Amino acid sequence: MKSFIQNIEDRIKKNIRIDKIEILDNTHKHIKHKSLKKNQFHLTLKIESEELRLLSKLDAHKKIMKILSEELKNQIHALEIKIK
């Protein structure tokens, strides 16, 4: 069975031409936060993509957020996106 992180990577690669992607799970940094719910992730996406670079920063972020819309409802508490 694939991990949650691997599923995120697969969904992004399926919808966007990616040169390189790195997904960091920063959940451990937020363990003591009162707002952190069990099974919710704090993620950082580092993406190299010509397709995303051609878009405005706002449009690139919207595209990623749309791809991950279901995960953002229940499983992702915070998402930091870095596009190169």
C-alpha atoms as a PDB file:
ATOM      1  CA  MET A   1       0.000   0.000   0.000  1.00  0.00           C
ATOM      2  CA  LYS A   2       1.290   3.434  -0.921  1.00  0.00           C
ATOM      3  CA  SER A   3       1.958   6.033   1.724  1.00  0.00           C
ATOM      4  CA  PHE A   4      -0.066   9.223   1.886  1.00  0.00           C
ATOM      5  CA  ILE A   5       2.975  11.228   0.742  1.00  0.00           C
ATOM      6  CA  GLN A   6       3.479   8.932  -2.269  1.00  0.00           C
ATOM      7  CA  ASN A   7      -0.198   9.303  -3.201  1.00  0.00           C
ATOM      8  CA  ILE A   8       0.164  13.103  -3.119  1.00  0.00           C
ATOM      9  CA  GLU A   9       3.232  12.917  -5.357  1.00  0.00           C
ATOM     10  CA  ASP A  10       1.450  10.596  -7.806  1.00  0.00           C
ATOM     11  CA  ARG A  11      -1.594  12.895  -8.046  1.00  0.00           C
ATOM     12  CA  ILE A  12       0.559  15.929  -8.768  1.00  0.00           C
ATOM     13  CA  LYS A  13       2.668  14.082 -11.367  1.00  0.00           C
ATOM     14  CA  LYS A  14      -0.491  12.809 -13.064  1.00  0.00           C
ATOM     15  CA  ASN A  15      -1.797  16.360 -13.560  1.00  0.00           C
ATOM     16  CA  ILE A  16       1.314  18.535 -14.005  1.00  0.00           C
ATOM     17  CA  ARG A  17       4.518  18.049 -15.983  1.00  0.00           C
ATOM     18  CA  ILE A  18       7.130  17.882 -13.220  1.00  0.00           C
ATOM     19  CA  ASP A  19      10.903  18.011 -13.571  1.00  0.00           C
ATOM     20  CA  LYS A  20      11.487  17.352  -9.881  1.00  0.00           C
ATOM     21  CA  ILE A  21       9.318  17.118  -6.784  1.00  0.00           C
ATOM     22  CA  GLU A  22      10.112  16.853  -3.096  1.00  0.00           C
ATOM     23  CA  ILE A  23       7.456  16.531  -0.410  1.00  0.00           C
ATOM     24  CA  LEU A  24       8.467  17.176   3.181  1.00  0.00           C
ATOM     25  CA  ASP A  25       6.330  16.123   6.123  1.00  0.00           C
ATOM     26  CA  ASN A  26       6.739  18.793   8.810  1.00  0.00           C
ATOM     27  CA  THR A  27       3.972  17.452  11.049  1.00  0.00           C
ATOM     28  CA  HIS A  28       6.451  16.583  13.799  1.00  0.00           C
ATOM     29  CA  LYS A  29       7.199  20.304  14.232  1.00  0.00           C
ATOM     30  CA  HIS A  30       3.568  20.962  15.190  1.00  0.00           C
ATOM     31  CA  ILE A  31       2.776  18.064  17.530  1.00  0.00           C
ATOM     32  CA  LYS A  32       2.137  20.332  20.532  1.00  0.00           C
ATOM     33  CA  HIS A  33      -0.177  22.734  18.678  1.00  0.00           C
ATOM     34  CA  LYS A  34      -3.711  22.632  20.047  1.00  0.00           C
ATOM     35  CA  SER A  35      -5.213  22.942  16.563  1.00  0.00           C
ATOM     36  CA  LEU A  36      -3.387  19.868  15.210  1.00  0.00           C
ATOM     37  CA  LYS A  37      -5.782  16.999  14.702  1.00  0.00           C
ATOM     38  CA  LYS A  38      -4.766  13.367  14.525  1.00  0.00           C
ATOM     39  CA  ASN A  39      -4.008  12.180  10.975  1.00  0.00           C
ATOM     40  CA  GLN A  40      -3.554  15.694   9.582  1.00  0.00           C
ATOM     41  CA  PHE A  41      -0.316  16.684   7.897  1.00  0.00           C
ATOM     42  CA  HIS A  42       1.813  19.803   7.620  1.00  0.00           C
ATOM     43  CA  LEU A  43       3.496  19.501   4.222  1.00  0.00           C
ATOM     44  CA  THR A  44       6.007  21.445   2.170  1.00  0.00           C
ATOM     45  CA  LEU A  45       6.007  20.888  -1.597  1.00  0.00           C
ATOM     46  CA  LYS A  46       9.139  21.793  -3.524  1.00  0.00           C
ATOM     47  CA  ILE A  47       8.368  21.540  -7.219  1.00  0.00           C
ATOM     48  CA  GLU A  48      10.464  22.208 -10.289  1.00  0.00           C
ATOM     49  CA  SER A  49       8.139  22.527 -13.264  1.00  0.00           C
ATOM     50  CA  GLU A  50       8.311  24.584 -16.431  1.00  0.00           C
ATOM     51  CA  GLU A  51       4.522  24.285 -16.694  1.00  0.00           C
ATOM     52  CA  LEU A  52       4.054  25.953 -13.293  1.00  0.00           C
ATOM     53  CA  ARG A  53       6.785  28.547 -13.894  1.00  0.00           C
ATOM     54  CA  LEU A  54       4.867  29.783 -16.934  1.00  0.00           C
ATOM     55  CA  LEU A  55       1.855  30.547 -14.739  1.00  0.00           C
ATOM     56  CA  SER A  56       1.596  33.370 -12.250  1.00  0.00           C
ATOM     57  CA  LYS A  57       2.446  32.328  -8.715  1.00  0.00           C
ATOM     58  CA  LEU A  58      -1.223  32.605  -7.748  1.00  0.00           C
ATOM     59  CA  ASP A  59      -2.412  30.471 -10.675  1.00  0.00           C
ATOM     60  CA  ALA A  60       0.267  27.845 -10.043  1.00  0.00           C
ATOM     61  CA  HIS A  61      -0.772  27.572  -6.388  1.00  0.00           C
ATOM     62  CA  LYS A  62      -4.458  27.388  -7.363  1.00  0.00           C
ATOM     63  CA  LYS A  63      -3.697  24.550  -9.772  1.00  0.00           C
ATOM     64  CA  ILE A  64      -1.934  22.540  -7.059  1.00  0.00           C
ATOM     65  CA  MET A  65      -4.662  23.295  -4.514  1.00  0.00           C
ATOM     66  CA  LYS A  66      -7.319  22.084  -6.972  1.00  0.00           C
ATOM     67  CA  ILE A  67      -5.437  18.816  -7.552  1.00  0.00           C
ATOM     68  CA  LEU A  68      -5.206  18.259  -3.790  1.00  0.00           C
ATOM     69  CA  SER A  69      -8.674  19.600  -2.930  1.00  0.00           C
ATOM     70  CA  GLU A  70      -9.938  16.365  -1.345  1.00  0.00           C
ATOM     71  CA  GLU A  71      -6.809  15.911   0.771  1.00  0.00           C
ATOM     72  CA  LEU A  72      -6.971  19.549   1.908  1.00  0.00           C
ATOM     73  CA  LYS A  73     -10.459  18.990   3.305  1.00  0.00           C
ATOM     74  CA  ASN A  74      -9.454  16.288   5.788  1.00  0.00           C
ATOM     75  CA  GLN A  75      -5.834  15.193   5.679  1.00  0.00           C
ATOM     76  CA  ILE A  76      -3.678  18.267   5.033  1.00  0.00           C
ATOM     77  CA  HIS A  77      -3.777  20.908   7.760  1.00  0.00           C
ATOM     78  CA  ALA A  78      -1.078  23.147   6.256  1.00  0.00           C
ATOM     79  CA  LEU A  79       0.530  23.236   2.814  1.00  0.00           C
ATOM     80  CA  GLU A  80       3.579  25.309   1.876  1.00  0.00           C
ATOM     81  CA  ILE A  81       4.302  25.418  -1.860  1.00  0.00           C
ATOM     82  CA  LYS A  82       7.665  26.369  -3.343  1.00  0.00           C
ATOM     83  CA  ILE A  83       7.951  26.481  -7.133  1.00  0.00           C
ATOM     84  CA  LYS A  84      11.264  26.697  -8.930  1.00  0.00           C
END
